Amino acid sequence: MTGQPFKTLKFFVLAMVQYCKRSVFYLLAKGGWLMLLSTVVAAVGIVLVTIDGPHEKVLQRIENCRYFEFT
């Protein structure tokens, strides 16, 4: 692993691409487009919440919105 870092990185990226392809095909086969779209929206939402950036102000407004209060 330390002897050939670029080759290791290449194989890791290829494995991740293959995993993503298989996941998409599975979601389309079992749940259809709604399941795939829901998974993509959830993944984007998780990324937006966990990564800091210029979108923080928008997320704060969404959190303060009365539509998302469940108490």
PDB file of N, CA and C in Angstrom:
ATOM      1  N   MET A   1       0.819  -1.189   0.000  1.00  0.00           N
ATOM      2  CA  MET A   1       0.000   0.000   0.000  1.00  0.00           C
ATOM      3  C   MET A   1       0.865   1.256   0.000  1.00  0.00           C
ATOM      4  N   THR A   2       1.912   1.269   0.778  1.00  0.00           N
ATOM      5  CA  THR A   2       2.775   2.447   0.815  1.00  0.00           C
ATOM      6  C   THR A   2       3.772   2.440  -0.329  1.00  0.00           C
ATOM      7  N   GLY A   3       3.996   1.289  -0.925  1.00  0.00           N
ATOM      8  CA  GLY A   3       4.951   1.200  -2.032  1.00  0.00           C
ATOM      9  C   GLY A   3       4.386   1.743  -3.338  1.00  0.00           C
ATOM     10  N   GLN A   4       3.069   1.615  -3.537  1.00  0.00           N
ATOM     11  CA  GLN A   4       2.442   2.073  -4.777  1.00  0.00           C
ATOM     12  C   GLN A   4       1.166   2.849  -4.450  1.00  0.00           C
ATOM     13  N   PRO A   5       1.291   4.061  -3.922  1.00  0.00           N
ATOM     14  CA  PRO A   5       0.090   4.784  -3.480  1.00  0.00           C
ATOM     15  C   PRO A   5      -0.846   5.167  -4.624  1.00  0.00           C
ATOM     16  N   PHE A   6      -0.302   5.496  -5.789  1.00  0.00           N
ATOM     17  CA  PHE A   6      -1.162   5.906  -6.899  1.00  0.00           C
ATOM     18  C   PHE A   6      -1.945   4.723  -7.466  1.00  0.00           C
ATOM     19  N   LYS A   7      -1.310   3.573  -7.514  1.00  0.00           N
ATOM     20  CA  LYS A   7      -1.994   2.381  -7.992  1.00  0.00           C
ATOM     21  C   LYS A   7      -3.097   1.981  -7.001  1.00  0.00           C
ATOM     22  N   THR A   8      -2.791   2.095  -5.708  1.00  0.00           N
ATOM     23  CA  THR A   8      -3.776   1.790  -4.684  1.00  0.00           C
ATOM     24  C   THR A   8      -4.957   2.751  -4.780  1.00  0.00           C
ATOM     25  N   LEU A   9      -4.685   4.038  -4.956  1.00  0.00           N
ATOM     26  CA  LEU A   9      -5.742   5.036  -5.094  1.00  0.00           C
ATOM     27  C   LEU A   9      -6.593   4.763  -6.326  1.00  0.00           C
ATOM     28  N   LYS A  10      -5.950   4.380  -7.411  1.00  0.00           N
ATOM     29  CA  LYS A  10      -6.672   4.067  -8.647  1.00  0.00           C
ATOM     30  C   LYS A  10      -7.641   2.905  -8.427  1.00  0.00           C
ATOM     31  N   PHE A  11      -7.169   1.840  -7.783  1.00  0.00           N
ATOM     32  CA  PHE A  11      -8.034   0.688  -7.529  1.00  0.00           C
ATOM     33  C   PHE A  11      -9.153   1.024  -6.560  1.00  0.00           C
ATOM     34  N   PHE A  12      -8.862   1.882  -5.580  1.00  0.00           N
ATOM     35  CA  PHE A  12      -9.903   2.302  -4.644  1.00  0.00           C
ATOM     36  C   PHE A  12     -10.997   3.076  -5.372  1.00  0.00           C
ATOM     37  N   VAL A  13     -10.616   3.998  -6.234  1.00  0.00           N
ATOM     38  CA  VAL A  13     -11.590   4.787  -6.981  1.00  0.00           C
ATOM     39  C   VAL A  13     -12.408   3.882  -7.899  1.00  0.00           C
ATOM     40  N   LEU A  14     -11.757   2.957  -8.559  1.00  0.00           N
ATOM     41  CA  LEU A  14     -12.484   2.020  -9.432  1.00  0.00           C
ATOM     42  C   LEU A  14     -13.470   1.171  -8.634  1.00  0.00           C
ATOM     43  N   ALA A  15     -13.064   0.728  -7.452  1.00  0.00           N
ATOM     44  CA  ALA A  15     -13.960  -0.062  -6.610  1.00  0.00           C
ATOM     45  C   ALA A  15     -15.149   0.766  -6.149  1.00  0.00           C
ATOM     46  N   MET A  16     -14.925   2.031  -5.805  1.00  0.00           N
ATOM     47  CA  MET A  16     -16.025   2.894  -5.375  1.00  0.00           C
ATOM     48  C   MET A  16     -17.007   3.162  -6.522  1.00  0.00           C
ATOM     49  N   VAL A  17     -16.493   3.363  -7.718  1.00  0.00           N
ATOM     50  CA  VAL A  17     -17.356   3.571  -8.887  1.00  0.00           C
ATOM     51  C   VAL A  17     -18.190   2.313  -9.144  1.00  0.00           C
ATOM     52  N   GLN A  18     -17.562   1.152  -9.058  1.00  0.00           N
ATOM     53  CA  GLN A  18     -18.285  -0.098  -9.254  1.00  0.00           C
ATOM     54  C   GLN A  18     -19.357  -0.275  -8.184  1.00  0.00           C
ATOM     55  N   TYR A  19     -19.050   0.060  -6.940  1.00  0.00           N
ATOM     56  CA  TYR A  19     -20.023  -0.040  -5.852  1.00  0.00           C
ATOM     57  C   TYR A  19     -21.208   0.890  -6.097  1.00  0.00           C
ATOM     58  N   CYS A  20     -20.925   2.116  -6.532  1.00  0.00           N
ATOM     59  CA  CYS A  20     -22.006   3.072  -6.804  1.00  0.00           C
ATOM     60  C   CYS A  20     -22.886   2.594  -7.957  1.00  0.00           C
ATOM     61  N   LYS A  21     -22.284   2.054  -9.000  1.00  0.00           N
ATOM     62  CA  LYS A  21     -23.057   1.532 -10.124  1.00  0.00           C
ATOM     63  C   LYS A  21     -23.976   0.401  -9.682  1.00  0.00           C
ATOM     64  N   ARG A  22     -23.420  -0.525  -8.888  1.00  0.00           N
ATOM     65  CA  ARG A  22     -24.234  -1.643  -8.411  1.00  0.00           C
ATOM     66  C   ARG A  22     -25.375  -1.161  -7.529  1.00  0.00           C
ATOM     67  N   SER A  23     -25.099  -0.154  -6.699  1.00  0.00           N
ATOM     68  CA  SER A  23     -26.144   0.380  -5.820  1.00  0.00           C
ATOM     69  C   SER A  23     -27.267   1.017  -6.629  1.00  0.00           C
ATOM     70  N   VAL A  24     -26.907   1.770  -7.661  1.00  0.00           N
ATOM     71  CA  VAL A  24     -27.908   2.415  -8.512  1.00  0.00           C
ATOM     72  C   VAL A  24     -28.748   1.363  -9.236  1.00  0.00           C
ATOM     73  N   PHE A  25     -28.099   0.350  -9.781  1.00  0.00           N
ATOM     74  CA  PHE A  25     -28.851  -0.696 -10.481  1.00  0.00           C
ATOM     75  C   PHE A  25     -29.769  -1.449  -9.527  1.00  0.00           C
ATOM     76  N   TYR A  26     -29.315  -1.685  -8.309  1.00  0.00           N
ATOM     77  CA  TYR A  26     -30.149  -2.371  -7.328  1.00  0.00           C
ATOM     78  C   TYR A  26     -31.367  -1.521  -6.973  1.00  0.00           C
ATOM     79  N   LEU A  27     -31.135  -0.225  -6.733  1.00  0.00           N
ATOM     80  CA  LEU A  27     -32.252   0.649  -6.386  1.00  0.00           C
ATOM     81  C   LEU A  27     -33.258   0.748  -7.517  1.00  0.00           C
ATOM     82  N   LEU A  28     -32.784   0.805  -8.745  1.00  0.00           N
ATOM     83  CA  LEU A  28     -33.698   0.864  -9.887  1.00  0.00           C
ATOM     84  C   LEU A  28     -34.465  -0.447 -10.045  1.00  0.00           C
ATOM     85  N   ALA A  29     -33.817  -1.567  -9.785  1.00  0.00           N
ATOM     86  CA  ALA A  29     -34.477  -2.860  -9.955  1.00  0.00           C
ATOM     87  C   ALA A  29     -35.514  -3.103  -8.863  1.00  0.00           C
ATOM     88  N   LYS A  30     -35.203  -2.719  -7.640  1.00  0.00           N
ATOM     89  CA  LYS A  30     -36.091  -3.026  -6.520  1.00  0.00           C
ATOM     90  C   LYS A  30     -37.109  -1.926  -6.228  1.00  0.00           C
ATOM     91  N   GLY A  31     -36.692  -0.674  -6.316  1.00  0.00           N
ATOM     92  CA  GLY A  31     -37.588   0.387  -5.894  1.00  0.00           C
ATOM     93  C   GLY A  31     -37.995   1.354  -6.977  1.00  0.00           C
ATOM     94  N   GLY A  32     -37.314   1.341  -8.068  1.00  0.00           N
ATOM     95  CA  GLY A  32     -37.640   2.256  -9.152  1.00  0.00           C
ATOM     96  C   GLY A  32     -37.016   3.627  -8.963  1.00  0.00           C
ATOM     97  N   TRP A  33     -37.487   4.553  -9.767  1.00  0.00           N
ATOM     98  CA  TRP A  33     -36.916   5.901  -9.777  1.00  0.00           C
ATOM     99  C   TRP A  33     -37.158   6.653  -8.481  1.00  0.00           C
ATOM    100  N   LEU A  34     -38.282   6.419  -7.834  1.00  0.00           N
ATOM    101  CA  LEU A  34     -38.571   7.120  -6.581  1.00  0.00           C
ATOM    102  C   LEU A  34     -37.550   6.778  -5.507  1.00  0.00           C
ATOM    103  N   MET A  35     -37.196   5.512  -5.399  1.00  0.00           N
ATOM    104  CA  MET A  35     -36.208   5.082  -4.411  1.00  0.00           C
ATOM    105  C   MET A  35     -34.835   5.669  -4.742  1.00  0.00           C
ATOM    106  N   LEU A  36     -34.457   5.677  -6.006  1.00  0.00           N
ATOM    107  CA  LEU A  36     -33.172   6.239  -6.407  1.00  0.00           C
ATOM    108  C   LEU A  36     -33.132   7.732  -6.135  1.00  0.00           C
ATOM    109  N   LEU A  37     -34.189   8.441  -6.495  1.00  0.00           N
ATOM    110  CA  LEU A  37     -34.243   9.879  -6.276  1.00  0.00           C
ATOM    111  C   LEU A  37     -34.215  10.208  -4.785  1.00  0.00           C
ATOM    112  N   SER A  38     -34.922   9.435  -3.986  1.00  0.00           N
ATOM    113  CA  SER A  38     -34.929   9.650  -2.537  1.00  0.00           C
ATOM    114  C   SER A  38     -33.541   9.449  -1.947  1.00  0.00           C
ATOM    115  N   THR A  39     -32.836   8.453  -2.417  1.00  0.00           N
ATOM    116  CA  THR A  39     -31.485   8.185  -1.927  1.00  0.00           C
ATOM    117  C   THR A  39     -30.544   9.316  -2.303  1.00  0.00           C
ATOM    118  N   VAL A  40     -30.642   9.805  -3.521  1.00  0.00           N
ATOM    119  CA  VAL A  40     -29.779  10.904  -3.959  1.00  0.00           C
ATOM    120  C   VAL A  40     -30.081  12.174  -3.168  1.00  0.00           C
ATOM    121  N   VAL A  41     -31.342  12.489  -2.955  1.00  0.00           N
ATOM    122  CA  VAL A  41     -31.715  13.680  -2.185  1.00  0.00           C
ATOM    123  C   VAL A  41     -31.218  13.566  -0.747  1.00  0.00           C
ATOM    124  N   ALA A  42     -31.354  12.399  -0.156  1.00  0.00           N
ATOM    125  CA  ALA A  42     -30.877  12.199   1.213  1.00  0.00           C
ATOM    126  C   ALA A  42     -29.356  12.352   1.297  1.00  0.00           C
ATOM    127  N   ALA A  43     -28.644  11.812   0.323  1.00  0.00           N
ATOM    128  CA  ALA A  43     -27.182  11.920   0.323  1.00  0.00           C
ATOM    129  C   ALA A  43     -26.737  13.370   0.173  1.00  0.00           C
ATOM    130  N   VAL A  44     -27.383  14.111  -0.714  1.00  0.00           N
ATOM    131  CA  VAL A  44     -27.045  15.528  -0.892  1.00  0.00           C
ATOM    132  C   VAL A  44     -27.361  16.306   0.380  1.00  0.00           C
ATOM    133  N   GLY A  45     -28.477  16.001   1.011  1.00  0.00           N
ATOM    134  CA  GLY A  45     -28.831  16.675   2.259  1.00  0.00           C
ATOM    135  C   GLY A  45     -27.813  16.416   3.355  1.00  0.00           C
ATOM    136  N   ILE A  46     -27.368  15.183   3.475  1.00  0.00           N
ATOM    137  CA  ILE A  46     -26.365  14.846   4.491  1.00  0.00           C
ATOM    138  C   ILE A  46     -25.063  15.574   4.210  1.00  0.00           C
ATOM    139  N   VAL A  47     -24.657  15.631   2.951  1.00  0.00           N
ATOM    140  CA  VAL A  47     -23.423  16.342   2.599  1.00  0.00           C
ATOM    141  C   VAL A  47     -23.551  17.826   2.914  1.00  0.00           C
ATOM    142  N   LEU A  48     -24.679  18.436   2.596  1.00  0.00           N
ATOM    143  CA  LEU A  48     -24.859  19.863   2.866  1.00  0.00           C
ATOM    144  C   LEU A  48     -24.846  20.170   4.354  1.00  0.00           C
ATOM    145  N   VAL A  49     -25.383  19.286   5.164  1.00  0.00           N
ATOM    146  CA  VAL A  49     -25.433  19.527   6.601  1.00  0.00           C
ATOM    147  C   VAL A  49     -24.055  19.337   7.236  1.00  0.00           C
ATOM    148  N   THR A  50     -23.263  18.408   6.735  1.00  0.00           N
ATOM    149  CA  THR A  50     -21.989  18.094   7.377  1.00  0.00           C
ATOM    150  C   THR A  50     -20.821  18.938   6.893  1.00  0.00           C
ATOM    151  N   ILE A  51     -20.891  19.507   5.698  1.00  0.00           N
ATOM    152  CA  ILE A  51     -19.770  20.283   5.153  1.00  0.00           C
ATOM    153  C   ILE A  51     -20.074  21.767   5.293  1.00  0.00           C
ATOM    154  N   ASP A  52     -19.101  22.498   5.838  1.00  0.00           N
ATOM    155  CA  ASP A  52     -19.244  23.945   5.971  1.00  0.00           C
ATOM    156  C   ASP A  52     -19.010  24.611   4.616  1.00  0.00           C
ATOM    157  N   GLY A  53     -19.690  25.732   4.411  1.00  0.00           N
ATOM    158  CA  GLY A  53     -19.525  26.444   3.155  1.00  0.00           C
ATOM    159  C   GLY A  53     -20.490  27.600   3.062  1.00  0.00           C
ATOM    160  N   PRO A  54     -20.606  28.187   1.885  1.00  0.00           N
ATOM    161  CA  PRO A  54     -21.474  29.346   1.719  1.00  0.00           C
ATOM    162  C   PRO A  54     -22.962  29.018   1.823  1.00  0.00           C
ATOM    163  N   HIS A  55     -23.315  27.757   1.801  1.00  0.00           N
ATOM    164  CA  HIS A  55     -24.721  27.363   1.887  1.00  0.00           C
ATOM    165  C   HIS A  55     -25.226  27.333   3.329  1.00  0.00           C
ATOM    166  N   GLU A  56     -24.374  27.664   4.299  1.00  0.00           N
ATOM    167  CA  GLU A  56     -24.781  27.618   5.707  1.00  0.00           C
ATOM    168  C   GLU A  56     -25.924  28.578   6.017  1.00  0.00           C
ATOM    169  N   LYS A  57     -25.905  29.764   5.422  1.00  0.00           N
ATOM    170  CA  LYS A  57     -26.977  30.733   5.673  1.00  0.00           C
ATOM    171  C   LYS A  57     -28.325  30.199   5.203  1.00  0.00           C
ATOM    172  N   VAL A  58     -28.329  29.539   4.065  1.00  0.00           N
ATOM    173  CA  VAL A  58     -29.567  28.969   3.545  1.00  0.00           C
ATOM    174  C   VAL A  58     -30.061  27.867   4.469  1.00  0.00           C
ATOM    175  N   LEU A  59     -29.147  27.026   4.934  1.00  0.00           N
ATOM    176  CA  LEU A  59     -29.541  25.952   5.842  1.00  0.00           C
ATOM    177  C   LEU A  59     -30.067  26.499   7.165  1.00  0.00           C
ATOM    178  N   GLN A  60     -29.482  27.598   7.645  1.00  0.00           N
ATOM    179  CA  GLN A  60     -29.974  28.201   8.883  1.00  0.00           C
ATOM    180  C   GLN A  60     -31.389  28.737   8.695  1.00  0.00           C
ATOM    181  N   ARG A  61     -31.667  29.330   7.546  1.00  0.00           N
ATOM    182  CA  ARG A  61     -33.022  29.820   7.275  1.00  0.00           C
ATOM    183  C   ARG A  61     -34.013  28.665   7.207  1.00  0.00           C
ATOM    184  N   ILE A  62     -33.592  27.566   6.612  1.00  0.00           N
ATOM    185  CA  ILE A  62     -34.471  26.396   6.524  1.00  0.00           C
ATOM    186  C   ILE A  62     -34.734  25.838   7.916  1.00  0.00           C
ATOM    187  N   GLU A  63     -33.697  25.795   8.755  1.00  0.00           N
ATOM    188  CA  GLU A  63     -33.877  25.275  10.111  1.00  0.00           C
ATOM    189  C   GLU A  63     -34.797  26.176  10.925  1.00  0.00           C
ATOM    190  N   ASN A  64     -34.769  27.474  10.682  1.00  0.00           N
ATOM    191  CA  ASN A  64     -35.596  28.407  11.429  1.00  0.00           C
ATOM    192  C   ASN A  64     -37.019  28.507  10.887  1.00  0.00           C
ATOM    193  N   CYS A  65     -37.250  27.928   9.744  1.00  0.00           N
ATOM    194  CA  CYS A  65     -38.567  27.985   9.121  1.00  0.00           C
ATOM    195  C   CYS A  65     -39.579  27.199   9.958  1.00  0.00           C
ATOM    196  N   ARG A  66     -40.774  27.715  10.089  1.00  0.00           N
ATOM    197  CA  ARG A  66     -41.798  27.063  10.916  1.00  0.00           C
ATOM    198  C   ARG A  66     -42.276  25.738  10.324  1.00  0.00           C
ATOM    199  N   TYR A  67     -42.100  25.543   9.045  1.00  0.00           N
ATOM    200  CA  TYR A  67     -42.567  24.310   8.424  1.00  0.00           C
ATOM    201  C   TYR A  67     -41.774  23.092   8.910  1.00  0.00           C
ATOM    202  N   PHE A  68     -40.561  23.307   9.367  1.00  0.00           N
ATOM    203  CA  PHE A  68     -39.714  22.187   9.764  1.00  0.00           C
ATOM    204  C   PHE A  68     -39.661  22.007  11.271  1.00  0.00           C
ATOM    205  N   GLU A  69     -40.517  22.696  12.016  1.00  0.00           N
ATOM    206  CA  GLU A  69     -40.552  22.519  13.460  1.00  0.00           C
ATOM    207  C   GLU A  69     -41.515  21.396  13.786  1.00  0.00           C
ATOM    208  N   PHE A  70     -41.059  20.442  14.532  1.00  0.00           N
ATOM    209  CA  PHE A  70     -41.884  19.301  14.876  1.00  0.00           C
ATOM    210  C   PHE A  70     -42.202  19.255  16.371  1.00  0.00           C
ATOM    211  N   THR A  71     -42.024  20.386  17.071  1.00  0.00           N
ATOM    212  CA  THR A  71     -42.296  20.377  18.509  1.00  0.00           C
ATOM    213  C   THR A  71     -43.618  21.011  18.797  1.00  0.00           C
TER     214      THR A  71
END
